Amino acid sequence: MTIAFQTCDFCDVYKSDESGAFRVLPPVFQHFGGKVQFAGQVTTVKCFEDNSLVKQALDTAGQGRVLVVDGGGSLRKALVGGNLAAAAARNGWAGVLVYGCVRDAAELRAAEVGICALALMPMPTDKRGEGQKDAVVDIAGVRLQPGDWLYADEDGIVIAATALHL
């Protein structure tokens, strides 16, 4: 999704919103992808140290969406690497948010897709085919569900129940 926005502007407008429709993720994520600013409707995968469903999702048409991966905050295995970042870019995903780790830093930077994660970790995941698709997830204490909208830039990441316009 290509739109002009600044997360700070969204926060200025929605700072008093107490409905839960506008949420801000805590500042624990780093940018690793070739795009720092990205936005799109959320689809989710919940998995722990197994990226089978992440690969399955990123191998499909992204249609400008953002894949939110709830890896339970694990710092032991990387859920996205260079091959999956390339697949995400090739298949039209706007971005990937990983509540966990990624690897292949140079390949992630080269991919024309937004990628945010907690940290780098060179260890790959196991492949057990476990996890859940399209689940409501808790990312660093913030609830996200399929259909929400995610906006990320150099200032932070915000979540909204509907598409935001300034």
C-alpha atoms as a PDB file:
ATOM      1  CA  MET A   1       0.000   0.000   0.000  1.00  0.00           C
ATOM      2  CA  THR A   2       1.495   3.315  -1.038  1.00  0.00           C
ATOM      3  CA  ILE A   3       0.099   6.191   0.972  1.00  0.00           C
ATOM      4  CA  ALA A   4       1.717   9.206   2.561  1.00  0.00           C
ATOM      5  CA  PHE A   5       1.515   9.112   6.339  1.00  0.00           C
ATOM      6  CA  GLN A   6       3.469   9.740   9.496  1.00  0.00           C
ATOM      7  CA  THR A   7       2.712   7.678  12.604  1.00  0.00           C
ATOM      8  CA  CYS A   8       3.307  10.822  14.688  1.00  0.00           C
ATOM      9  CA  ASP A   9       0.474  12.574  12.836  1.00  0.00           C
ATOM     10  CA  PHE A  10      -1.847   9.641  13.529  1.00  0.00           C
ATOM     11  CA  CYS A  11      -0.892   9.783  17.210  1.00  0.00           C
ATOM     12  CA  ASP A  12      -1.578  13.523  17.318  1.00  0.00           C
ATOM     13  CA  VAL A  13      -5.074  12.943  15.929  1.00  0.00           C
ATOM     14  CA  TYR A  14      -5.954   9.819  17.940  1.00  0.00           C
ATOM     15  CA  LYS A  15      -4.063  10.462  21.215  1.00  0.00           C
ATOM     16  CA  SER A  16      -7.297  10.774  23.209  1.00  0.00           C
ATOM     17  CA  ASP A  17      -8.971   7.714  21.682  1.00  0.00           C
ATOM     18  CA  GLU A  18      -9.915   5.358  24.498  1.00  0.00           C
ATOM     19  CA  SER A  19     -12.085   3.013  22.436  1.00  0.00           C
ATOM     20  CA  GLY A  20      -9.234   0.564  21.758  1.00  0.00           C
ATOM     21  CA  ALA A  21      -9.644   1.082  18.014  1.00  0.00           C
ATOM     22  CA  PHE A  22      -6.268   2.924  17.851  1.00  0.00           C
ATOM     23  CA  ARG A  23      -3.219   1.299  19.461  1.00  0.00           C
ATOM     24  CA  VAL A  24       0.519   1.950  19.474  1.00  0.00           C
ATOM     25  CA  LEU A  25       3.040  -0.866  19.717  1.00  0.00           C
ATOM     26  CA  PRO A  26       5.803  -0.372  22.287  1.00  0.00           C
ATOM     27  CA  PRO A  27       9.183   0.737  20.891  1.00  0.00           C
ATOM     28  CA  VAL A  28      10.783  -2.714  20.905  1.00  0.00           C
ATOM     29  CA  PHE A  29      10.840  -3.308  17.136  1.00  0.00           C
ATOM     30  CA  GLN A  30      13.661  -2.569  14.708  1.00  0.00           C
ATOM     31  CA  HIS A  31      13.437  -2.111  10.934  1.00  0.00           C
ATOM     32  CA  PHE A  32      15.314  -4.680   8.851  1.00  0.00           C
ATOM     33  CA  GLY A  33      13.612  -4.583   5.423  1.00  0.00           C
ATOM     34  CA  GLY A  34      14.266  -2.473   2.363  1.00  0.00           C
ATOM     35  CA  LYS A  35      11.267  -0.249   3.157  1.00  0.00           C
ATOM     36  CA  VAL A  36      11.043   1.628   6.451  1.00  0.00           C
ATOM     37  CA  GLN A  37       7.556   2.991   5.832  1.00  0.00           C
ATOM     38  CA  PHE A  38       4.807   0.485   5.068  1.00  0.00           C
ATOM     39  CA  ALA A  39       1.131  -0.018   5.746  1.00  0.00           C
ATOM     40  CA  GLY A  40      -1.611  -2.491   5.039  1.00  0.00           C
ATOM     41  CA  GLN A  41      -4.401  -4.643   6.339  1.00  0.00           C
ATOM     42  CA  VAL A  42      -3.279  -7.272   8.831  1.00  0.00           C
ATOM     43  CA  THR A  43      -3.309 -11.022   8.448  1.00  0.00           C
ATOM     44  CA  THR A  44      -1.801 -13.100  11.248  1.00  0.00           C
ATOM     45  CA  VAL A  45       0.206 -16.216  11.962  1.00  0.00           C
ATOM     46  CA  LYS A  46       0.828 -17.470  15.480  1.00  0.00           C
ATOM     47  CA  CYS A  47       3.784 -19.815  15.777  1.00  0.00           C
ATOM     48  CA  PHE A  48       6.627 -20.598  18.147  1.00  0.00           C
ATOM     49  CA  GLU A  49      10.071 -21.335  16.734  1.00  0.00           C
ATOM     50  CA  ASP A  50       8.479 -22.913  13.634  1.00  0.00           C
ATOM     51  CA  ASN A  51       8.092 -20.789  10.505  1.00  0.00           C
ATOM     52  CA  SER A  52       6.189 -23.320   8.373  1.00  0.00           C
ATOM     53  CA  LEU A  53       3.009 -21.209   8.345  1.00  0.00           C
ATOM     54  CA  VAL A  54       5.004 -18.009   7.787  1.00  0.00           C
ATOM     55  CA  LYS A  55       6.476 -19.491   4.609  1.00  0.00           C
ATOM     56  CA  GLN A  56       3.059 -20.737   3.549  1.00  0.00           C
ATOM     57  CA  ALA A  57       1.565 -17.248   3.973  1.00  0.00           C
ATOM     58  CA  LEU A  58       4.386 -15.345   2.246  1.00  0.00           C
ATOM     59  CA  ASP A  59       4.282 -17.740  -0.716  1.00  0.00           C
ATOM     60  CA  THR A  60       0.744 -16.492  -1.481  1.00  0.00           C
ATOM     61  CA  ALA A  61      -0.383 -13.186  -3.000  1.00  0.00           C
ATOM     62  CA  GLY A  62       0.001 -10.483  -0.360  1.00  0.00           C
ATOM     63  CA  GLN A  63      -2.233  -7.931  -2.085  1.00  0.00           C
ATOM     64  CA  GLY A  64      -0.608  -5.095  -0.099  1.00  0.00           C
ATOM     65  CA  ARG A  65      -1.279  -6.695   3.280  1.00  0.00           C
ATOM     66  CA  VAL A  66       0.995  -6.915   6.312  1.00  0.00           C
ATOM     67  CA  LEU A  67       1.734 -10.320   7.829  1.00  0.00           C
ATOM     68  CA  VAL A  68       1.904 -10.105  11.613  1.00  0.00           C
ATOM     69  CA  VAL A  69       3.818 -13.052  13.053  1.00  0.00           C
ATOM     70  CA  ASP A  70       3.317 -13.785  16.746  1.00  0.00           C
ATOM     71  CA  GLY A  71       6.448 -15.733  17.573  1.00  0.00           C
ATOM     72  CA  GLY A  72       5.864 -15.362  21.299  1.00  0.00           C
ATOM     73  CA  GLY A  73       8.771 -12.924  21.535  1.00  0.00           C
ATOM     74  CA  SER A  74      11.285 -15.768  21.219  1.00  0.00           C
ATOM     75  CA  LEU A  75      14.879 -14.652  20.775  1.00  0.00           C
ATOM     76  CA  ARG A  76      16.155 -18.183  20.074  1.00  0.00           C
ATOM     77  CA  LYS A  77      15.187 -18.790  16.406  1.00  0.00           C
ATOM     78  CA  ALA A  78      14.646 -16.563  13.346  1.00  0.00           C
ATOM     79  CA  LEU A  79      11.160 -16.761  11.853  1.00  0.00           C
ATOM     80  CA  VAL A  80      11.970 -14.792   8.671  1.00  0.00           C
ATOM     81  CA  GLY A  81      15.154 -14.768   6.614  1.00  0.00           C
ATOM     82  CA  GLY A  82      16.322 -13.681   3.186  1.00  0.00           C
ATOM     83  CA  ASN A  83      14.340 -16.254   1.191  1.00  0.00           C
ATOM     84  CA  LEU A  84      11.054 -15.380   2.899  1.00  0.00           C
ATOM     85  CA  ALA A  85      11.728 -11.640   2.579  1.00  0.00           C
ATOM     86  CA  ALA A  86      12.287 -12.107  -1.163  1.00  0.00           C
ATOM     87  CA  ALA A  87       9.056 -14.129  -1.385  1.00  0.00           C
ATOM     88  CA  ALA A  88       7.160 -11.394   0.467  1.00  0.00           C
ATOM     89  CA  ALA A  89       8.432  -8.715  -1.927  1.00  0.00           C
ATOM     90  CA  ARG A  90       7.817 -10.863  -5.012  1.00  0.00           C
ATOM     91  CA  ASN A  91       4.274 -11.737  -3.910  1.00  0.00           C
ATOM     92  CA  GLY A  92       3.145  -8.189  -3.120  1.00  0.00           C
ATOM     93  CA  TRP A  93       3.220  -8.067   0.685  1.00  0.00           C
ATOM     94  CA  ALA A  94       3.581  -4.534   2.074  1.00  0.00           C
ATOM     95  CA  GLY A  95       5.396  -5.763   5.150  1.00  0.00           C
ATOM     96  CA  VAL A  96       6.036  -8.325   7.834  1.00  0.00           C
ATOM     97  CA  LEU A  97       6.019  -7.646  11.570  1.00  0.00           C
ATOM     98  CA  VAL A  98       7.694 -10.390  13.599  1.00  0.00           C
ATOM     99  CA  TYR A  99       7.265 -10.617  17.347  1.00  0.00           C
ATOM    100  CA  GLY A 100      10.479 -12.600  17.417  1.00  0.00           C
ATOM    101  CA  CYS A 101      13.695 -12.647  15.401  1.00  0.00           C
ATOM    102  CA  VAL A 102      14.821 -12.481  11.788  1.00  0.00           C
ATOM    103  CA  ARG A 103      18.096 -13.354  10.048  1.00  0.00           C
ATOM    104  CA  ASP A 104      20.084 -12.644   6.879  1.00  0.00           C
ATOM    105  CA  ALA A 105      20.356  -8.904   7.541  1.00  0.00           C
ATOM    106  CA  ALA A 106      21.874  -7.977   4.155  1.00  0.00           C
ATOM    107  CA  GLU A 107      19.210  -9.927   2.242  1.00  0.00           C
ATOM    108  CA  LEU A 108      16.431  -8.365   4.329  1.00  0.00           C
ATOM    109  CA  ARG A 109      17.738  -4.846   3.536  1.00  0.00           C
ATOM    110  CA  ALA A 110      17.804  -5.725  -0.175  1.00  0.00           C
ATOM    111  CA  ALA A 111      14.166  -6.877  -0.216  1.00  0.00           C
ATOM    112  CA  GLU A 112      11.609  -4.242  -1.273  1.00  0.00           C
ATOM    113  CA  VAL A 113       9.331  -4.937   1.669  1.00  0.00           C
ATOM    114  CA  GLY A 114       8.968  -3.602   5.192  1.00  0.00           C
ATOM    115  CA  ILE A 115      10.245  -5.958   7.880  1.00  0.00           C
ATOM    116  CA  CYS A 116      10.171  -5.225  11.599  1.00  0.00           C
ATOM    117  CA  ALA A 117      11.287  -7.597  14.330  1.00  0.00           C
ATOM    118  CA  LEU A 118      12.749  -7.650  17.813  1.00  0.00           C
ATOM    119  CA  ALA A 119      16.293  -8.623  16.837  1.00  0.00           C
ATOM    120  CA  LEU A 120      18.602 -10.576  14.563  1.00  0.00           C
ATOM    121  CA  MET A 121      19.329 -14.250  15.318  1.00  0.00           C
ATOM    122  CA  PRO A 122      21.241 -16.499  12.900  1.00  0.00           C
ATOM    123  CA  MET A 123      19.632 -19.752  14.141  1.00  0.00           C
ATOM    124  CA  PRO A 124      16.857 -21.055  11.822  1.00  0.00           C
ATOM    125  CA  THR A 125      13.571 -22.485  13.054  1.00  0.00           C
ATOM    126  CA  ASP A 126      12.392 -26.044  13.202  1.00  0.00           C
ATOM    127  CA  LYS A 127       9.831 -27.113  10.591  1.00  0.00           C
ATOM    128  CA  ARG A 128       7.011 -28.928  12.375  1.00  0.00           C
ATOM    129  CA  GLY A 129       4.013 -27.460  10.537  1.00  0.00           C
ATOM    130  CA  GLU A 130       2.629 -26.095  13.804  1.00  0.00           C
ATOM    131  CA  GLY A 131       0.840 -22.838  14.495  1.00  0.00           C
ATOM    132  CA  GLN A 132      -2.369 -20.975  13.750  1.00  0.00           C
ATOM    133  CA  LYS A 133      -3.443 -18.781  10.833  1.00  0.00           C
ATOM    134  CA  ASP A 134      -5.761 -15.794  11.168  1.00  0.00           C
ATOM    135  CA  ALA A 135      -5.731 -15.868  14.978  1.00  0.00           C
ATOM    136  CA  VAL A 136      -6.149 -12.942  17.340  1.00  0.00           C
ATOM    137  CA  VAL A 137      -2.628 -12.305  18.655  1.00  0.00           C
ATOM    138  CA  ASP A 138      -0.943 -10.387  21.448  1.00  0.00           C
ATOM    139  CA  ILE A 139       2.100  -8.499  20.208  1.00  0.00           C
ATOM    140  CA  ALA A 140       4.161  -6.991  23.026  1.00  0.00           C
ATOM    141  CA  GLY A 141       1.002  -6.492  25.084  1.00  0.00           C
ATOM    142  CA  VAL A 142      -1.120  -5.107  22.230  1.00  0.00           C
ATOM    143  CA  ARG A 143      -4.028  -7.080  20.767  1.00  0.00           C
ATOM    144  CA  LEU A 144      -4.162  -7.432  16.973  1.00  0.00           C
ATOM    145  CA  GLN A 145      -6.590  -9.321  14.825  1.00  0.00           C
ATOM    146  CA  PRO A 146      -6.947 -10.087  11.133  1.00  0.00           C
ATOM    147  CA  GLY A 147      -8.512  -7.110   9.387  1.00  0.00           C
ATOM    148  CA  ASP A 148      -6.831  -4.471  11.563  1.00  0.00           C
ATOM    149  CA  TRP A 149      -4.592  -1.949   9.788  1.00  0.00           C
ATOM    150  CA  LEU A 150      -0.879  -1.554  10.558  1.00  0.00           C
ATOM    151  CA  TYR A 151       1.136   1.586   9.808  1.00  0.00           C
ATOM    152  CA  ALA A 152       4.908   1.565  10.359  1.00  0.00           C
ATOM    153  CA  ASP A 153       7.569   4.215   9.824  1.00  0.00           C
ATOM    154  CA  GLU A 154      10.811   5.348  11.428  1.00  0.00           C
ATOM    155  CA  ASP A 155       8.912   6.771  14.425  1.00  0.00           C
ATOM    156  CA  GLY A 156       6.938   3.688  15.362  1.00  0.00           C
ATOM    157  CA  ILE A 157       4.111   1.294  14.612  1.00  0.00           C
ATOM    158  CA  VAL A 158       0.422   1.996  15.075  1.00  0.00           C
ATOM    159  CA  ILE A 159      -2.572  -0.302  14.740  1.00  0.00           C
ATOM    160  CA  ALA A 160      -6.129   0.709  13.887  1.00  0.00           C
ATOM    161  CA  ALA A 161      -9.397  -1.179  13.614  1.00  0.00           C
ATOM    162  CA  THR A 162     -10.098   0.555  10.284  1.00  0.00           C
ATOM    163  CA  ALA A 163      -8.029   2.298   7.625  1.00  0.00           C
ATOM    164  CA  LEU A 164      -6.753   5.679   8.820  1.00  0.00           C
ATOM    165  CA  HIS A 165      -6.877   8.942   6.876  1.00  0.00           C
ATOM    166  CA  LEU A 166      -5.528  12.339   7.848  1.00  0.00           C
END
